[in-house]
Amino acid sequence: MRSREDRHYSTTWESRIRILWDFVEGIFSHFGSVVAAMRIEWSWCWAVRKLKNRLLELIAAISIN
């Protein structure tokens, strides 16, 4: 049985952002495997990783505020 704090935490913005980020990471990991299978240049993959890092920074900034 979940405690009152656990129920409260599951409704906070932070937990929603974490769920969203898990979804985004899943998309990026799937996309990365597709890119590797297609043997596209790694510089393009680097740009995707950089975008992922920017999104992570944005989510961190939102969760701090």
PDB file of N, CA and C in Angstrom:
ATOM      1  N   MET A   1       0.841  -1.188   0.000  1.00  0.00           N
ATOM      2  CA  MET A   1       0.000   0.000   0.000  1.00  0.00           C
ATOM      3  C   MET A   1       0.883   1.247   0.000  1.00  0.00           C
ATOM      4  N   ARG A   2       0.492   2.214  -0.768  1.00  0.00           N
ATOM      5  CA  ARG A   2       1.303   3.429  -0.904  1.00  0.00           C
ATOM      6  C   ARG A   2       0.976   4.422   0.199  1.00  0.00           C
ATOM      7  N   SER A   3       2.020   5.107   0.665  1.00  0.00           N
ATOM      8  CA  SER A   3       1.821   6.113   1.702  1.00  0.00           C
ATOM      9  C   SER A   3       1.258   7.391   1.084  1.00  0.00           C
ATOM     10  N   ARG A   4       0.837   8.294   1.951  1.00  0.00           N
ATOM     11  CA  ARG A   4       0.278   9.561   1.479  1.00  0.00           C
ATOM     12  C   ARG A   4       1.303  10.368   0.705  1.00  0.00           C
ATOM     13  N   GLU A   5       2.562  10.352   1.151  1.00  0.00           N
ATOM     14  CA  GLU A   5       3.615  11.082   0.453  1.00  0.00           C
ATOM     15  C   GLU A   5       3.833  10.514  -0.944  1.00  0.00           C
ATOM     16  N   ASP A   6       3.794   9.184  -1.076  1.00  0.00           N
ATOM     17  CA  ASP A   6       3.971   8.557  -2.394  1.00  0.00           C
ATOM     18  C   ASP A   6       2.860   8.970  -3.343  1.00  0.00           C
ATOM     19  N   ARG A   7       1.633   8.984  -2.855  1.00  0.00           N
ATOM     20  CA  ARG A   7       0.510   9.404  -3.710  1.00  0.00           C
ATOM     21  C   ARG A   7       0.671  10.859  -4.119  1.00  0.00           C
ATOM     22  N   HIS A   8       1.115  11.706  -3.179  1.00  0.00           N
ATOM     23  CA  HIS A   8       1.330  13.120  -3.504  1.00  0.00           C
ATOM     24  C   HIS A   8       2.449  13.264  -4.529  1.00  0.00           C
ATOM     25  N   TYR A   9       3.532  12.514  -4.329  1.00  0.00           N
ATOM     26  CA  TYR A   9       4.673  12.618  -5.249  1.00  0.00           C
ATOM     27  C   TYR A   9       4.269  12.214  -6.662  1.00  0.00           C
ATOM     28  N   SER A  10       3.413  11.219  -6.793  1.00  0.00           N
ATOM     29  CA  SER A  10       3.046  10.750  -8.128  1.00  0.00           C
ATOM     30  C   SER A  10       2.222  11.783  -8.888  1.00  0.00           C
ATOM     31  N   THR A  11       1.721  12.787  -8.222  1.00  0.00           N
ATOM     32  CA  THR A  11       0.942  13.814  -8.915  1.00  0.00           C
ATOM     33  C   THR A  11       1.726  15.114  -9.114  1.00  0.00           C
ATOM     34  N   THR A  12       2.966  15.153  -8.659  1.00  0.00           N
ATOM     35  CA  THR A  12       3.733  16.389  -8.792  1.00  0.00           C
ATOM     36  C   THR A  12       4.266  16.560 -10.205  1.00  0.00           C
ATOM     37  N   TRP A  13       4.634  17.776 -10.517  1.00  0.00           N
ATOM     38  CA  TRP A  13       5.202  18.077 -11.842  1.00  0.00           C
ATOM     39  C   TRP A  13       6.502  17.338 -12.058  1.00  0.00           C
ATOM     40  N   GLU A  14       7.278  17.190 -10.989  1.00  0.00           N
ATOM     41  CA  GLU A  14       8.567  16.516 -11.132  1.00  0.00           C
ATOM     42  C   GLU A  14       8.383  15.083 -11.625  1.00  0.00           C
ATOM     43  N   SER A  15       7.423  14.377 -11.059  1.00  0.00           N
ATOM     44  CA  SER A  15       7.204  13.001 -11.502  1.00  0.00           C
ATOM     45  C   SER A  15       6.666  12.963 -12.926  1.00  0.00           C
ATOM     46  N   ARG A  16       5.829  13.914 -13.284  1.00  0.00           N
ATOM     47  CA  ARG A  16       5.326  13.972 -14.663  1.00  0.00           C
ATOM     48  C   ARG A  16       6.454  14.241 -15.650  1.00  0.00           C
ATOM     49  N   ILE A  17       7.377  15.129 -15.262  1.00  0.00           N
ATOM     50  CA  ILE A  17       8.527  15.431 -16.125  1.00  0.00           C
ATOM     51  C   ILE A  17       9.407  14.194 -16.254  1.00  0.00           C
ATOM     52  N   ARG A  18       9.594  13.465 -15.152  1.00  0.00           N
ATOM     53  CA  ARG A  18      10.403  12.247 -15.218  1.00  0.00           C
ATOM     54  C   ARG A  18       9.771  11.210 -16.136  1.00  0.00           C
ATOM     55  N   ILE A  19       8.466  11.053 -16.069  1.00  0.00           N
ATOM     56  CA  ILE A  19       7.768  10.117 -16.957  1.00  0.00           C
ATOM     57  C   ILE A  19       7.947  10.554 -18.405  1.00  0.00           C
ATOM     58  N   LEU A  20       7.787  11.841 -18.662  1.00  0.00           N
ATOM     59  CA  LEU A  20       7.965  12.372 -20.014  1.00  0.00           C
ATOM     60  C   LEU A  20       9.394  12.155 -20.490  1.00  0.00           C
ATOM     61  N   TRP A  21      10.367  12.392 -19.617  1.00  0.00           N
ATOM     62  CA  TRP A  21      11.765  12.217 -20.011  1.00  0.00           C
ATOM     63  C   TRP A  21      12.067  10.757 -20.303  1.00  0.00           C
ATOM     64  N   ASP A  22      11.493   9.819 -19.516  1.00  0.00           N
ATOM     65  CA  ASP A  22      11.678   8.394 -19.812  1.00  0.00           C
ATOM     66  C   ASP A  22      11.153   8.068 -21.202  1.00  0.00           C
ATOM     67  N   PHE A  23      10.025   8.652 -21.567  1.00  0.00           N
ATOM     68  CA  PHE A  23       9.457   8.451 -22.895  1.00  0.00           C
ATOM     69  C   PHE A  23      10.389   9.011 -23.972  1.00  0.00           C
ATOM     70  N   VAL A  24      10.902  10.229 -23.739  1.00  0.00           N
ATOM     71  CA  VAL A  24      11.816  10.861 -24.701  1.00  0.00           C
ATOM     72  C   VAL A  24      13.090  10.034 -24.845  1.00  0.00           C
ATOM     73  N   GLU A  25      13.631   9.538 -23.723  1.00  0.00           N
ATOM     74  CA  GLU A  25      14.825   8.693 -23.786  1.00  0.00           C
ATOM     75  C   GLU A  25      14.568   7.421 -24.571  1.00  0.00           C
ATOM     76  N   GLY A  26      13.386   6.850 -24.406  1.00  0.00           N
ATOM     77  CA  GLY A  26      13.026   5.655 -25.168  1.00  0.00           C
ATOM     78  C   GLY A  26      13.014   5.932 -26.656  1.00  0.00           C
ATOM     79  N   ILE A  27      12.462   7.076 -27.034  1.00  0.00           N
ATOM     80  CA  ILE A  27      12.441   7.454 -28.455  1.00  0.00           C
ATOM     81  C   ILE A  27      13.865   7.636 -28.964  1.00  0.00           C
ATOM     82  N   PHE A  28      14.708   8.339 -28.192  1.00  0.00           N
ATOM     83  CA  PHE A  28      16.093   8.562 -28.627  1.00  0.00           C
ATOM     84  C   PHE A  28      16.868   7.256 -28.734  1.00  0.00           C
ATOM     85  N   SER A  29      16.655   6.337 -27.790  1.00  0.00           N
ATOM     86  CA  SER A  29      17.400   5.079 -27.858  1.00  0.00           C
ATOM     87  C   SER A  29      16.947   4.258 -29.059  1.00  0.00           C
ATOM     88  N   HIS A  30      15.641   4.262 -29.345  1.00  0.00           N
ATOM     89  CA  HIS A  30      15.146   3.559 -30.531  1.00  0.00           C
ATOM     90  C   HIS A  30      15.685   4.228 -31.795  1.00  0.00           C
ATOM     91  N   PHE A  31      15.640   5.552 -31.815  1.00  0.00           N
ATOM     92  CA  PHE A  31      16.129   6.301 -32.966  1.00  0.00           C
ATOM     93  C   PHE A  31      17.613   6.052 -33.184  1.00  0.00           C
ATOM     94  N   GLY A  32      18.374   5.989 -32.097  1.00  0.00           N
ATOM     95  CA  GLY A  32      19.806   5.712 -32.193  1.00  0.00           C
ATOM     96  C   GLY A  32      20.087   4.351 -32.796  1.00  0.00           C
ATOM     97  N   SER A  33      19.283   3.343 -32.425  1.00  0.00           N
ATOM     98  CA  SER A  33      19.498   2.011 -32.996  1.00  0.00           C
ATOM     99  C   SER A  33      19.135   1.986 -34.473  1.00  0.00           C
ATOM    100  N   VAL A  34      18.112   2.727 -34.858  1.00  0.00           N
ATOM    101  CA  VAL A  34      17.753   2.817 -36.276  1.00  0.00           C
ATOM    102  C   VAL A  34      18.871   3.505 -37.053  1.00  0.00           C
ATOM    103  N   VAL A  35      19.411   4.581 -36.494  1.00  0.00           N
ATOM    104  CA  VAL A  35      20.502   5.305 -37.146  1.00  0.00           C
ATOM    105  C   VAL A  35      21.717   4.392 -37.310  1.00  0.00           C
ATOM    106  N   ALA A  36      22.039   3.636 -36.259  1.00  0.00           N
ATOM    107  CA  ALA A  36      23.182   2.724 -36.344  1.00  0.00           C
ATOM    108  C   ALA A  36      22.948   1.659 -37.411  1.00  0.00           C
ATOM    109  N   ALA A  37      21.731   1.161 -37.500  1.00  0.00           N
ATOM    110  CA  ALA A  37      21.420   0.145 -38.496  1.00  0.00           C
ATOM    111  C   ALA A  37      21.548   0.712 -39.909  1.00  0.00           C
ATOM    112  N   MET A  38      21.224   1.972 -40.070  1.00  0.00           N
ATOM    113  CA  MET A  38      21.293   2.601 -41.395  1.00  0.00           C
ATOM    114  C   MET A  38      22.695   3.126 -41.702  1.00  0.00           C
ATOM    115  N   ARG A  39      23.580   3.117 -40.708  1.00  0.00           N
ATOM    116  CA  ARG A  39      24.974   3.563 -40.858  1.00  0.00           C
ATOM    117  C   ARG A  39      25.077   5.007 -41.360  1.00  0.00           C
ATOM    118  N   ILE A  40      24.301   5.880 -40.718  1.00  0.00           N
ATOM    119  CA  ILE A  40      24.381   7.314 -41.024  1.00  0.00           C
ATOM    120  C   ILE A  40      25.580   7.883 -40.270  1.00  0.00           C
ATOM    121  N   GLU A  41      26.163   8.938 -40.766  1.00  0.00           N
ATOM    122  CA  GLU A  41      27.352   9.532 -40.151  1.00  0.00           C
ATOM    123  C   GLU A  41      27.165   9.793 -38.664  1.00  0.00           C
ATOM    124  N   TRP A  42      28.238   9.540 -37.895  1.00  0.00           N
ATOM    125  CA  TRP A  42      28.173   9.730 -36.455  1.00  0.00           C
ATOM    126  C   TRP A  42      28.089  11.199 -36.058  1.00  0.00           C
ATOM    127  N   SER A  43      28.517  12.096 -36.926  1.00  0.00           N
ATOM    128  CA  SER A  43      28.392  13.522 -36.593  1.00  0.00           C
ATOM    129  C   SER A  43      26.925  13.913 -36.461  1.00  0.00           C
ATOM    130  N   TRP A  44      26.081  13.283 -37.262  1.00  0.00           N
ATOM    131  CA  TRP A  44      24.643  13.550 -37.171  1.00  0.00           C
ATOM    132  C   TRP A  44      24.104  12.999 -35.857  1.00  0.00           C
ATOM    133  N   CYS A  45      24.578  11.822 -35.456  1.00  0.00           N
ATOM    134  CA  CYS A  45      24.171  11.233 -34.177  1.00  0.00           C
ATOM    135  C   CYS A  45      24.622  12.125 -33.011  1.00  0.00           C
ATOM    136  N   TRP A  46      25.803  12.742 -33.162  1.00  0.00           N
ATOM    137  CA  TRP A  46      26.305  13.640 -32.133  1.00  0.00           C
ATOM    138  C   TRP A  46      25.349  14.816 -31.966  1.00  0.00           C
ATOM    139  N   ALA A  47      24.820  15.317 -33.076  1.00  0.00           N
ATOM    140  CA  ALA A  47      23.865  16.429 -33.004  1.00  0.00           C
ATOM    141  C   ALA A  47      22.604  16.000 -32.260  1.00  0.00           C
ATOM    142  N   VAL A  48      22.166  14.775 -32.467  1.00  0.00           N
ATOM    143  CA  VAL A  48      20.985  14.265 -31.758  1.00  0.00           C
ATOM    144  C   VAL A  48      21.274  14.163 -30.260  1.00  0.00           C
ATOM    145  N   ARG A  49      22.455  13.665 -29.900  1.00  0.00           N
ATOM    146  CA  ARG A  49      22.828  13.586 -28.480  1.00  0.00           C
ATOM    147  C   ARG A  49      22.899  14.973 -27.860  1.00  0.00           C
ATOM    148  N   LYS A  50      23.408  15.947 -28.611  1.00  0.00           N
ATOM    149  CA  LYS A  50      23.491  17.322 -28.107  1.00  0.00           C
ATOM    150  C   LYS A  50      22.078  17.869 -27.868  1.00  0.00           C
ATOM    151  N   LEU A  51      21.160  17.583 -28.777  1.00  0.00           N
ATOM    152  CA  LEU A  51      19.769  17.992 -28.596  1.00  0.00           C
ATOM    153  C   LEU A  51      19.184  17.345 -27.352  1.00  0.00           C
ATOM    154  N   LYS A  52      19.472  16.066 -27.134  1.00  0.00           N
ATOM    155  CA  LYS A  52      18.989  15.371 -25.949  1.00  0.00           C
ATOM    156  C   LYS A  52      19.519  16.051 -24.686  1.00  0.00           C
ATOM    157  N   ASN A  53      20.806  16.427 -24.680  1.00  0.00           N
ATOM    158  CA  ASN A  53      21.389  17.107 -23.521  1.00  0.00           C
ATOM    159  C   ASN A  53      20.738  18.465 -23.287  1.00  0.00           C
ATOM    160  N   ARG A  54      20.433  19.181 -24.367  1.00  0.00           N
ATOM    161  CA  ARG A  54      19.750  20.479 -24.216  1.00  0.00           C
ATOM    162  C   ARG A  54      18.365  20.285 -23.604  1.00  0.00           C
ATOM    163  N   LEU A  55      17.647  19.246 -24.054  1.00  0.00           N
ATOM    164  CA  LEU A  55      16.326  18.968 -23.490  1.00  0.00           C
ATOM    165  C   LEU A  55      16.437  18.626 -22.011  1.00  0.00           C
ATOM    166  N   LEU A  56      17.466  17.864 -21.644  1.00  0.00           N
ATOM    167  CA  LEU A  56      17.678  17.526 -20.250  1.00  0.00           C
ATOM    168  C   LEU A  56      17.944  18.775 -19.413  1.00  0.00           C
ATOM    169  N   GLU A  57      18.743  19.696 -19.931  1.00  0.00           N
ATOM    170  CA  GLU A  57      19.007  20.953 -19.224  1.00  0.00           C
ATOM    171  C   GLU A  57      17.728  21.772 -19.063  1.00  0.00           C
ATOM    172  N   LEU A  58      16.906  21.796 -20.095  1.00  0.00           N
ATOM    173  CA  LEU A  58      15.648  22.530 -20.031  1.00  0.00           C
ATOM    174  C   LEU A  58      14.719  21.933 -18.982  1.00  0.00           C
ATOM    175  N   ILE A  59      14.613  20.614 -18.953  1.00  0.00           N
ATOM    176  CA  ILE A  59      13.754  19.952 -17.969  1.00  0.00           C
ATOM    177  C   ILE A  59      14.276  20.204 -16.561  1.00  0.00           C
ATOM    178  N   ALA A  60      15.594  20.163 -16.392  1.00  0.00           N
ATOM    179  CA  ALA A  60      16.176  20.446 -15.071  1.00  0.00           C
ATOM    180  C   ALA A  60      15.865  21.876 -14.640  1.00  0.00           C
ATOM    181  N   ALA A  61      15.971  22.828 -15.570  1.00  0.00           N
ATOM    182  CA  ALA A  61      15.676  24.226 -15.238  1.00  0.00           C
ATOM    183  C   ALA A  61      14.212  24.400 -14.860  1.00  0.00           C
ATOM    184  N   ILE A  62      13.331  23.709 -15.557  1.00  0.00           N
ATOM    185  CA  ILE A  62      11.899  23.803 -15.253  1.00  0.00           C
ATOM    186  C   ILE A  62      11.608  23.197 -13.887  1.00  0.00           C
ATOM    187  N   SER A  63      12.225  22.044 -13.591  1.00  0.00           N
ATOM    188  CA  SER A  63      11.942  21.389 -12.317  1.00  0.00           C
ATOM    189  C   SER A  63      12.506  22.170 -11.131  1.00  0.00           C
ATOM    190  N   ILE A  64      13.594  22.926 -11.345  1.00  0.00           N
ATOM    191  CA  ILE A  64      14.148  23.750 -10.265  1.00  0.00           C
ATOM    192  C   ILE A  64      13.201  24.903  -9.959  1.00  0.00           C
ATOM    193  N   ASN A  65      12.646  25.506 -10.986  1.00  0.00           N
ATOM    194  CA  ASN A  65      11.717  26.624 -10.797  1.00  0.00           C
ATOM    195  C   ASN A  65      10.382  26.067 -10.411  1.00  0.00           C
TER     196      ASN A  65
END
